[in-house]
Amino acid sequence: MKNIIIEGSSQDEFMAKLCQLFREILTEKNEKPEIDEAHLLSRKEAADFLNICLTTLWSLDKSGELPSRRIKSKVFYLKSDLVNYLNQAA
């Protein structure tokens, strides 16, 4: 098990380290990651990408219009899902 130092890291640095750790764990188990971590966005990043508020993003998630991924208690969105949503809304 590897230790990750969180102090002094920005949110982006922490997410990059977390994604790298997930990739290493999956590689060790000879499994391919199901999600391309480079395209995984936080709630704030997804709301900014769609130019909507977090409440609207939550409503889209709850209604099933926009699929989300959960890792423990954190919610993430695939960039490809956001692009698909924008294309359908246009």
PDB file of N, CA and C in Angstrom:
ATOM      1  N   MET A   1       0.848  -1.174   0.000  1.00  0.00           N
ATOM      2  CA  MET A   1       0.000   0.000   0.000  1.00  0.00           C
ATOM      3  C   MET A   1       0.889   1.230   0.000  1.00  0.00           C
ATOM      4  N   LYS A   2       0.537   2.214  -0.820  1.00  0.00           N
ATOM      5  CA  LYS A   2       1.338   3.429  -0.923  1.00  0.00           C
ATOM      6  C   LYS A   2       0.705   4.539  -0.101  1.00  0.00           C
ATOM      7  N   ASN A   3       1.555   5.400   0.428  1.00  0.00           N
ATOM      8  CA  ASN A   3       1.078   6.564   1.156  1.00  0.00           C
ATOM      9  C   ASN A   3       1.030   7.754   0.221  1.00  0.00           C
ATOM     10  N   ILE A   4      -0.012   8.567   0.345  1.00  0.00           N
ATOM     11  CA  ILE A   4      -0.149   9.777  -0.456  1.00  0.00           C
ATOM     12  C   ILE A   4      -0.192  10.959   0.500  1.00  0.00           C
ATOM     13  N   ILE A   5       0.652  11.947   0.249  1.00  0.00           N
ATOM     14  CA  ILE A   5       0.665  13.150   1.071  1.00  0.00           C
ATOM     15  C   ILE A   5      -0.309  14.142   0.456  1.00  0.00           C
ATOM     16  N   ILE A   6      -1.294  14.538   1.245  1.00  0.00           N
ATOM     17  CA  ILE A   6      -2.333  15.436   0.754  1.00  0.00           C
ATOM     18  C   ILE A   6      -1.985  16.886   1.074  1.00  0.00           C
ATOM     19  N   GLU A   7      -1.296  17.120   2.172  1.00  0.00           N
ATOM     20  CA  GLU A   7      -0.973  18.485   2.567  1.00  0.00           C
ATOM     21  C   GLU A   7      -0.164  19.176   1.479  1.00  0.00           C
ATOM     22  N   GLY A   8      -0.518  20.393   1.193  1.00  0.00           N
ATOM     23  CA  GLY A   8       0.234  21.181   0.231  1.00  0.00           C
ATOM     24  C   GLY A   8      -0.096  20.869  -1.217  1.00  0.00           C
ATOM     25  N   SER A   9      -1.036  19.975  -1.441  1.00  0.00           N
ATOM     26  CA  SER A   9      -1.424  19.628  -2.811  1.00  0.00           C
ATOM     27  C   SER A   9      -2.723  20.339  -3.162  1.00  0.00           C
ATOM     28  N   SER A  10      -2.802  20.767  -4.413  1.00  0.00           N
ATOM     29  CA  SER A  10      -4.051  21.358  -4.881  1.00  0.00           C
ATOM     30  C   SER A  10      -5.040  20.229  -5.158  1.00  0.00           C
ATOM     31  N   GLN A  11      -6.283  20.578  -5.376  1.00  0.00           N
ATOM     32  CA  GLN A  11      -7.309  19.578  -5.676  1.00  0.00           C
ATOM     33  C   GLN A  11      -6.962  18.826  -6.953  1.00  0.00           C
ATOM     34  N   ASP A  12      -6.464  19.542  -7.963  1.00  0.00           N
ATOM     35  CA  ASP A  12      -6.094  18.892  -9.223  1.00  0.00           C
ATOM     36  C   ASP A  12      -4.935  17.921  -9.034  1.00  0.00           C
ATOM     37  N   GLU A  13      -3.944  18.315  -8.228  1.00  0.00           N
ATOM     38  CA  GLU A  13      -2.811  17.430  -7.962  1.00  0.00           C
ATOM     39  C   GLU A  13      -3.274  16.186  -7.218  1.00  0.00           C
ATOM     40  N   PHE A  14      -4.170  16.380  -6.250  1.00  0.00           N
ATOM     41  CA  PHE A  14      -4.693  15.243  -5.496  1.00  0.00           C
ATOM     42  C   PHE A  14      -5.453  14.288  -6.402  1.00  0.00           C
ATOM     43  N   MET A  15      -6.310  14.842  -7.283  1.00  0.00           N
ATOM     44  CA  MET A  15      -7.080  13.991  -8.198  1.00  0.00           C
ATOM     45  C   MET A  15      -6.160  13.235  -9.148  1.00  0.00           C
ATOM     46  N   ALA A  16      -5.096  13.889  -9.619  1.00  0.00           N
ATOM     47  CA  ALA A  16      -4.145  13.229 -10.514  1.00  0.00           C
ATOM     48  C   ALA A  16      -3.448  12.079  -9.792  1.00  0.00           C
ATOM     49  N   LYS A  17      -3.069  12.303  -8.539  1.00  0.00           N
ATOM     50  CA  LYS A  17      -2.429  11.246  -7.755  1.00  0.00           C
ATOM     51  C   LYS A  17      -3.404  10.106  -7.504  1.00  0.00           C
ATOM     52  N   LEU A  18      -4.640  10.439  -7.197  1.00  0.00           N
ATOM     53  CA  LEU A  18      -5.656   9.427  -6.940  1.00  0.00           C
ATOM     54  C   LEU A  18      -5.914   8.580  -8.187  1.00  0.00           C
ATOM     55  N   CYS A  19      -6.035   9.214  -9.328  1.00  0.00           N
ATOM     56  CA  CYS A  19      -6.241   8.492 -10.586  1.00  0.00           C
ATOM     57  C   CYS A  19      -5.055   7.610 -10.907  1.00  0.00           C
ATOM     58  N   GLN A  20      -3.842   8.109 -10.665  1.00  0.00           N
ATOM     59  CA  GLN A  20      -2.640   7.314 -10.912  1.00  0.00           C
ATOM     60  C   GLN A  20      -2.628   6.089 -10.001  1.00  0.00           C
ATOM     61  N   LEU A  21      -3.004   6.269  -8.741  1.00  0.00           N
ATOM     62  CA  LEU A  21      -3.052   5.152  -7.809  1.00  0.00           C
ATOM     63  C   LEU A  21      -4.071   4.111  -8.241  1.00  0.00           C
ATOM     64  N   PHE A  22      -5.262   4.540  -8.671  1.00  0.00           N
ATOM     65  CA  PHE A  22      -6.274   3.604  -9.170  1.00  0.00           C
ATOM     66  C   PHE A  22      -5.740   2.833 -10.367  1.00  0.00           C
ATOM     67  N   ARG A  23      -5.078   3.530 -11.274  1.00  0.00           N
ATOM     68  CA  ARG A  23      -4.529   2.890 -12.466  1.00  0.00           C
ATOM     69  C   ARG A  23      -3.501   1.828 -12.072  1.00  0.00           C
ATOM     70  N   GLU A  24      -2.633   2.160 -11.109  1.00  0.00           N
ATOM     71  CA  GLU A  24      -1.617   1.209 -10.660  1.00  0.00           C
ATOM     72  C   GLU A  24      -2.254  -0.016 -10.007  1.00  0.00           C
ATOM     73  N   ILE A  25      -3.266   0.190  -9.200  1.00  0.00           N
ATOM     74  CA  ILE A  25      -3.943  -0.932  -8.536  1.00  0.00           C
ATOM     75  C   ILE A  25      -4.591  -1.840  -9.567  1.00  0.00           C
ATOM     76  N   LEU A  26      -5.278  -1.259 -10.547  1.00  0.00           N
ATOM     77  CA  LEU A  26      -5.928  -2.058 -11.576  1.00  0.00           C
ATOM     78  C   LEU A  26      -4.916  -2.792 -12.440  1.00  0.00           C
ATOM     79  N   THR A  27      -3.786  -2.151 -12.710  1.00  0.00           N
ATOM     80  CA  THR A  27      -2.744  -2.792 -13.509  1.00  0.00           C
ATOM     81  C   THR A  27      -2.156  -3.977 -12.756  1.00  0.00           C
ATOM     82  N   GLU A  28      -1.965  -3.815 -11.456  1.00  0.00           N
ATOM     83  CA  GLU A  28      -1.431  -4.901 -10.639  1.00  0.00           C
ATOM     84  C   GLU A  28      -2.362  -6.111 -10.665  1.00  0.00           C
ATOM     85  N   LYS A  29      -3.647  -5.886 -10.775  1.00  0.00           N
ATOM     86  CA  LYS A  29      -4.625  -6.980 -10.792  1.00  0.00           C
ATOM     87  C   LYS A  29      -4.917  -7.452 -12.211  1.00  0.00           C
ATOM     88  N   ASN A  30      -4.131  -6.950 -13.179  1.00  0.00           N
ATOM     89  CA  ASN A  30      -4.309  -7.311 -14.589  1.00  0.00           C
ATOM     90  C   ASN A  30      -5.696  -6.974 -15.103  1.00  0.00           C
ATOM     91  N   GLU A  31      -6.264  -5.887 -14.604  1.00  0.00           N
ATOM     92  CA  GLU A  31      -7.555  -5.420 -15.079  1.00  0.00           C
ATOM     93  C   GLU A  31      -7.355  -4.091 -15.775  1.00  0.00           C
ATOM     94  N   LYS A  32      -8.160  -3.836 -16.774  1.00  0.00           N
ATOM     95  CA  LYS A  32      -8.103  -2.544 -17.445  1.00  0.00           C
ATOM     96  C   LYS A  32      -9.086  -1.603 -16.774  1.00  0.00           C
ATOM     97  N   PRO A  33      -8.699  -0.338 -16.607  1.00  0.00           N
ATOM     98  CA  PRO A  33      -9.645   0.613 -16.017  1.00  0.00           C
ATOM     99  C   PRO A  33     -10.849   0.807 -16.929  1.00  0.00           C
ATOM    100  N   GLU A  34     -12.031   0.876 -16.327  1.00  0.00           N
ATOM    101  CA  GLU A  34     -13.259   1.057 -17.094  1.00  0.00           C
ATOM    102  C   GLU A  34     -13.429   2.502 -17.542  1.00  0.00           C
ATOM    103  N   ILE A  35     -12.824   3.418 -16.799  1.00  0.00           N
ATOM    104  CA  ILE A  35     -13.010   4.841 -17.059  1.00  0.00           C
ATOM    105  C   ILE A  35     -11.654   5.466 -17.353  1.00  0.00           C
ATOM    106  N   ASP A  36     -11.606   6.265 -18.401  1.00  0.00           N
ATOM    107  CA  ASP A  36     -10.404   7.018 -18.720  1.00  0.00           C
ATOM    108  C   ASP A  36     -10.346   8.191 -17.750  1.00  0.00           C
ATOM    109  N   GLU A  37      -9.430   8.105 -16.772  1.00  0.00           N
ATOM    110  CA  GLU A  37      -9.376   9.090 -15.699  1.00  0.00           C
ATOM    111  C   GLU A  37      -9.122  10.505 -16.203  1.00  0.00           C
ATOM    112  N   ALA A  38      -8.500  10.632 -17.372  1.00  0.00           N
ATOM    113  CA  ALA A  38      -8.221  11.960 -17.908  1.00  0.00           C
ATOM    114  C   ALA A  38      -9.508  12.700 -18.242  1.00  0.00           C
ATOM    115  N   HIS A  39     -10.600  11.975 -18.417  1.00  0.00           N
ATOM    116  CA  HIS A  39     -11.875  12.590 -18.792  1.00  0.00           C
ATOM    117  C   HIS A  39     -12.893  12.541 -17.657  1.00  0.00           C
ATOM    118  N   LEU A  40     -12.421  12.327 -16.445  1.00  0.00           N
ATOM    119  CA  LEU A  40     -13.277  12.262 -15.273  1.00  0.00           C
ATOM    120  C   LEU A  40     -13.291  13.633 -14.608  1.00  0.00           C
ATOM    121  N   LEU A  41     -14.481  14.243 -14.494  1.00  0.00           N
ATOM    122  CA  LEU A  41     -14.599  15.594 -13.948  1.00  0.00           C
ATOM    123  C   LEU A  41     -15.358  15.593 -12.629  1.00  0.00           C
ATOM    124  N   SER A  42     -14.944  16.467 -11.723  1.00  0.00           N
ATOM    125  CA  SER A  42     -15.663  16.639 -10.454  1.00  0.00           C
ATOM    126  C   SER A  42     -16.982  17.347 -10.721  1.00  0.00           C
ATOM    127  N   ARG A  43     -17.820  17.445  -9.699  1.00  0.00           N
ATOM    128  CA  ARG A  43     -19.100  18.142  -9.843  1.00  0.00           C
ATOM    129  C   ARG A  43     -18.881  19.591 -10.276  1.00  0.00           C
ATOM    130  N   LYS A  44     -17.949  20.274  -9.630  1.00  0.00           N
ATOM    131  CA  LYS A  44     -17.672  21.679  -9.956  1.00  0.00           C
ATOM    132  C   LYS A  44     -17.162  21.809 -11.383  1.00  0.00           C
ATOM    133  N   GLU A  45     -16.227  20.943 -11.774  1.00  0.00           N
ATOM    134  CA  GLU A  45     -15.688  20.986 -13.132  1.00  0.00           C
ATOM    135  C   GLU A  45     -16.782  20.718 -14.166  1.00  0.00           C
ATOM    136  N   ALA A  46     -17.664  19.758 -13.858  1.00  0.00           N
ATOM    137  CA  ALA A  46     -18.753  19.431 -14.785  1.00  0.00           C
ATOM    138  C   ALA A  46     -19.728  20.602 -14.910  1.00  0.00           C
ATOM    139  N   ALA A  47     -20.073  21.219 -13.782  1.00  0.00           N
ATOM    140  CA  ALA A  47     -20.988  22.366 -13.811  1.00  0.00           C
ATOM    141  C   ALA A  47     -20.364  23.518 -14.599  1.00  0.00           C
ATOM    142  N   ASP A  48     -19.079  23.759 -14.400  1.00  0.00           N
ATOM    143  CA  ASP A  48     -18.393  24.814 -15.152  1.00  0.00           C
ATOM    144  C   ASP A  48     -18.368  24.485 -16.645  1.00  0.00           C
ATOM    145  N   PHE A  49     -18.111  23.225 -16.978  1.00  0.00           N
ATOM    146  CA  PHE A  49     -18.061  22.805 -18.378  1.00  0.00           C
ATOM    147  C   PHE A  49     -19.406  23.025 -19.063  1.00  0.00           C
ATOM    148  N   LEU A  50     -20.500  22.723 -18.344  1.00  0.00           N
ATOM    149  CA  LEU A  50     -21.842  22.877 -18.903  1.00  0.00           C
ATOM    150  C   LEU A  50     -22.381  24.296 -18.744  1.00  0.00           C
ATOM    151  N   ASN A  51     -21.666  25.119 -17.978  1.00  0.00           N
ATOM    152  CA  ASN A  51     -22.087  26.489 -17.703  1.00  0.00           C
ATOM    153  C   ASN A  51     -23.439  26.513 -16.977  1.00  0.00           C
ATOM    154  N   ILE A  52     -23.568  25.647 -15.964  1.00  0.00           N
ATOM    155  CA  ILE A  52     -24.775  25.575 -15.140  1.00  0.00           C
ATOM    156  C   ILE A  52     -24.361  25.587 -13.665  1.00  0.00           C
ATOM    157  N   CYS A  53     -25.316  25.800 -12.785  1.00  0.00           N
ATOM    158  CA  CYS A  53     -25.013  25.785 -11.356  1.00  0.00           C
ATOM    159  C   CYS A  53     -25.027  24.339 -10.830  1.00  0.00           C
ATOM    160  N   LEU A  54     -24.475  24.153  -9.651  1.00  0.00           N
ATOM    161  CA  LEU A  54     -24.404  22.812  -9.065  1.00  0.00           C
ATOM    162  C   LEU A  54     -25.789  22.230  -8.793  1.00  0.00           C
ATOM    163  N   THR A  55     -26.754  23.076  -8.471  1.00  0.00           N
ATOM    164  CA  THR A  55     -28.115  22.600  -8.227  1.00  0.00           C
ATOM    165  C   THR A  55     -28.725  22.006  -9.493  1.00  0.00           C
ATOM    166  N   THR A  56     -28.514  22.667 -10.621  1.00  0.00           N
ATOM    167  CA  THR A  56     -29.021  22.152 -11.893  1.00  0.00           C
ATOM    168  C   THR A  56     -28.328  20.843 -12.244  1.00  0.00           C
ATOM    169  N   LEU A  57     -27.031  20.765 -12.000  1.00  0.00           N
ATOM    170  CA  LEU A  57     -26.284  19.529 -12.255  1.00  0.00           C
ATOM    171  C   LEU A  57     -26.852  18.400 -11.401  1.00  0.00           C
ATOM    172  N   TRP A  58     -27.134  18.681 -10.138  1.00  0.00           N
ATOM    173  CA  TRP A  58     -27.709  17.688  -9.244  1.00  0.00           C
ATOM    174  C   TRP A  58     -29.063  17.210  -9.775  1.00  0.00           C
ATOM    175  N   SER A  59     -29.886  18.144 -10.255  1.00  0.00           N
ATOM    176  CA  SER A  59     -31.198  17.783 -10.803  1.00  0.00           C
ATOM    177  C   SER A  59     -31.071  16.894 -12.035  1.00  0.00           C
ATOM    178  N   LEU A  60     -30.121  17.207 -12.910  1.00  0.00           N
ATOM    179  CA  LEU A  60     -29.895  16.385 -14.104  1.00  0.00           C
ATOM    180  C   LEU A  60     -29.430  14.979 -13.721  1.00  0.00           C
ATOM    181  N   ASP A  61     -28.614  14.907 -12.685  1.00  0.00           N
ATOM    182  CA  ASP A  61     -28.131  13.612 -12.195  1.00  0.00           C
ATOM    183  C   ASP A  61     -29.298  12.811 -11.612  1.00  0.00           C
ATOM    184  N   LYS A  62     -30.078  13.427 -10.761  1.00  0.00           N
ATOM    185  CA  LYS A  62     -31.190  12.736 -10.101  1.00  0.00           C
ATOM    186  C   LYS A  62     -32.262  12.283 -11.087  1.00  0.00           C
ATOM    187  N   SER A  63     -32.481  13.059 -12.139  1.00  0.00           N
ATOM    188  CA  SER A  63     -33.503  12.702 -13.123  1.00  0.00           C
ATOM    189  C   SER A  63     -33.012  11.641 -14.106  1.00  0.00           C
ATOM    190  N   GLY A  64     -31.705  11.372 -14.084  1.00  0.00           N
ATOM    191  CA  GLY A  64     -31.136  10.377 -14.989  1.00  0.00           C
ATOM    192  C   GLY A  64     -30.763  10.932 -16.352  1.00  0.00           C
ATOM    193  N   GLU A  65     -30.933  12.233 -16.542  1.00  0.00           N
ATOM    194  CA  GLU A  65     -30.583  12.851 -17.823  1.00  0.00           C
ATOM    195  C   GLU A  65     -29.076  12.890 -18.047  1.00  0.00           C
ATOM    196  N   LEU A  66     -28.318  12.925 -16.964  1.00  0.00           N
ATOM    197  CA  LEU A  66     -26.873  13.005 -17.043  1.00  0.00           C
ATOM    198  C   LEU A  66     -26.278  11.960 -16.094  1.00  0.00           C
ATOM    199  N   PRO A  67     -25.683  10.902 -16.637  1.00  0.00           N
ATOM    200  CA  PRO A  67     -25.149   9.851 -15.767  1.00  0.00           C
ATOM    201  C   PRO A  67     -23.911  10.313 -14.999  1.00  0.00           C
ATOM    202  N   SER A  68     -23.799   9.841 -13.776  1.00  0.00           N
ATOM    203  CA  SER A  68     -22.633  10.166 -12.960  1.00  0.00           C
ATOM    204  C   SER A  68     -21.972   8.871 -12.511  1.00  0.00           C
ATOM    205  N   ARG A  69     -20.760   9.001 -12.045  1.00  0.00           N
ATOM    206  CA  ARG A  69     -20.010   7.878 -11.483  1.00  0.00           C
ATOM    207  C   ARG A  69     -19.698   8.242 -10.045  1.00  0.00           C
ATOM    208  N   ARG A  70     -19.758   7.270  -9.171  1.00  0.00           N
ATOM    209  CA  ARG A  70     -19.460   7.530  -7.769  1.00  0.00           C
ATOM    210  C   ARG A  70     -18.268   6.696  -7.320  1.00  0.00           C
ATOM    211  N   ILE A  71     -17.376   7.364  -6.629  1.00  0.00           N
ATOM    212  CA  ILE A  71     -16.255   6.697  -5.983  1.00  0.00           C
ATOM    213  C   ILE A  71     -16.370   7.052  -4.516  1.00  0.00           C
ATOM    214  N   LYS A  72     -16.772   6.060  -3.736  1.00  0.00           N
ATOM    215  CA  LYS A  72     -17.135   6.265  -2.331  1.00  0.00           C
ATOM    216  C   LYS A  72     -18.238   7.317  -2.277  1.00  0.00           C
ATOM    217  N   SER A  73     -18.013   8.446  -1.619  1.00  0.00           N
ATOM    218  CA  SER A  73     -19.070   9.457  -1.520  1.00  0.00           C
ATOM    219  C   SER A  73     -18.896  10.586  -2.539  1.00  0.00           C
ATOM    220  N   LYS A  74     -17.879  10.495  -3.381  1.00  0.00           N
ATOM    221  CA  LYS A  74     -17.614  11.543  -4.372  1.00  0.00           C
ATOM    222  C   LYS A  74     -18.321  11.241  -5.685  1.00  0.00           C
ATOM    223  N   VAL A  75     -18.807  12.281  -6.339  1.00  0.00           N
ATOM    224  CA  VAL A  75     -19.519  12.154  -7.607  1.00  0.00           C
ATOM    225  C   VAL A  75     -18.644  12.721  -8.719  1.00  0.00           C
ATOM    226  N   PHE A  76     -18.540  11.973  -9.819  1.00  0.00           N
ATOM    227  CA  PHE A  76     -17.752  12.393 -10.969  1.00  0.00           C
ATOM    228  C   PHE A  76     -18.565  12.198 -12.237  1.00  0.00           C
ATOM    229  N   TYR A  77     -18.169  12.917 -13.291  1.00  0.00           N
ATOM    230  CA  TYR A  77     -18.846  12.830 -14.580  1.00  0.00           C
ATOM    231  C   TYR A  77     -17.806  12.602 -15.665  1.00  0.00           C
ATOM    232  N   LEU A  78     -18.154  11.765 -16.637  1.00  0.00           N
ATOM    233  CA  LEU A  78     -17.294  11.578 -17.794  1.00  0.00           C
ATOM    234  C   LEU A  78     -17.493  12.748 -18.744  1.00  0.00           C
ATOM    235  N   LYS A  79     -16.395  13.278 -19.242  1.00  0.00           N
ATOM    236  CA  LYS A  79     -16.485  14.399 -20.173  1.00  0.00           C
ATOM    237  C   LYS A  79     -17.297  14.013 -21.404  1.00  0.00           C
ATOM    238  N   SER A  80     -17.162  12.763 -21.856  1.00  0.00           N
ATOM    239  CA  SER A  80     -17.922  12.313 -23.033  1.00  0.00           C
ATOM    240  C   SER A  80     -19.430  12.344 -22.764  1.00  0.00           C
ATOM    241  N   ASP A  81     -19.849  12.042 -21.524  1.00  0.00           N
ATOM    242  CA  ASP A  81     -21.270  12.120 -21.178  1.00  0.00           C
ATOM    243  C   ASP A  81     -21.760  13.571 -21.215  1.00  0.00           C
ATOM    244  N   LEU A  82     -20.905  14.484 -20.787  1.00  0.00           N
ATOM    245  CA  LEU A  82     -21.281  15.902 -20.806  1.00  0.00           C
ATOM    246  C   LEU A  82     -21.413  16.404 -22.243  1.00  0.00           C
ATOM    247  N   VAL A  83     -20.481  15.990 -23.099  1.00  0.00           N
ATOM    248  CA  VAL A  83     -20.549  16.381 -24.507  1.00  0.00           C
ATOM    249  C   VAL A  83     -21.806  15.806 -25.156  1.00  0.00           C
ATOM    250  N   ASN A  84     -22.113  14.529 -24.866  1.00  0.00           N
ATOM    251  CA  ASN A  84     -23.336  13.917 -25.394  1.00  0.00           C
ATOM    252  C   ASN A  84     -24.578  14.668 -24.940  1.00  0.00           C
ATOM    253  N   TYR A  85     -24.610  15.076 -23.670  1.00  0.00           N
ATOM    254  CA  TYR A  85     -25.751  15.825 -23.145  1.00  0.00           C
ATOM    255  C   TYR A  85     -25.898  17.152 -23.895  1.00  0.00           C
ATOM    256  N   LEU A  86     -24.784  17.859 -24.104  1.00  0.00           N
ATOM    257  CA  LEU A  86     -24.838  19.128 -24.828  1.00  0.00           C
ATOM    258  C   LEU A  86     -25.327  18.930 -26.260  1.00  0.00           C
ATOM    259  N   ASN A  87     -24.889  17.864 -26.909  1.00  0.00           N
ATOM    260  CA  ASN A  87     -25.311  17.581 -28.282  1.00  0.00           C
ATOM    261  C   ASN A  87     -26.805  17.265 -28.359  1.00  0.00           C
ATOM    262  N   GLN A  88     -27.324  16.554 -27.350  1.00  0.00           N
ATOM    263  CA  GLN A  88     -28.753  16.212 -27.325  1.00  0.00           C
ATOM    264  C   GLN A  88     -29.588  17.456 -27.035  1.00  0.00           C
ATOM    265  N   ALA A  89     -29.057  18.359 -26.210  1.00  0.00           N
ATOM    266  CA  ALA A  89     -29.800  19.564 -25.826  1.00  0.00           C
ATOM    267  C   ALA A  89     -29.832  20.585 -26.962  1.00  0.00           C
ATOM    268  N   ALA A  90     -28.896  20.475 -27.884  1.00  0.00           N
ATOM    269  CA  ALA A  90     -28.807  21.467 -28.979  1.00  0.00           C
ATOM    270  C   ALA A  90     -29.859  21.237 -30.032  1.00  0.00           C
TER     271      ALA A  90
END
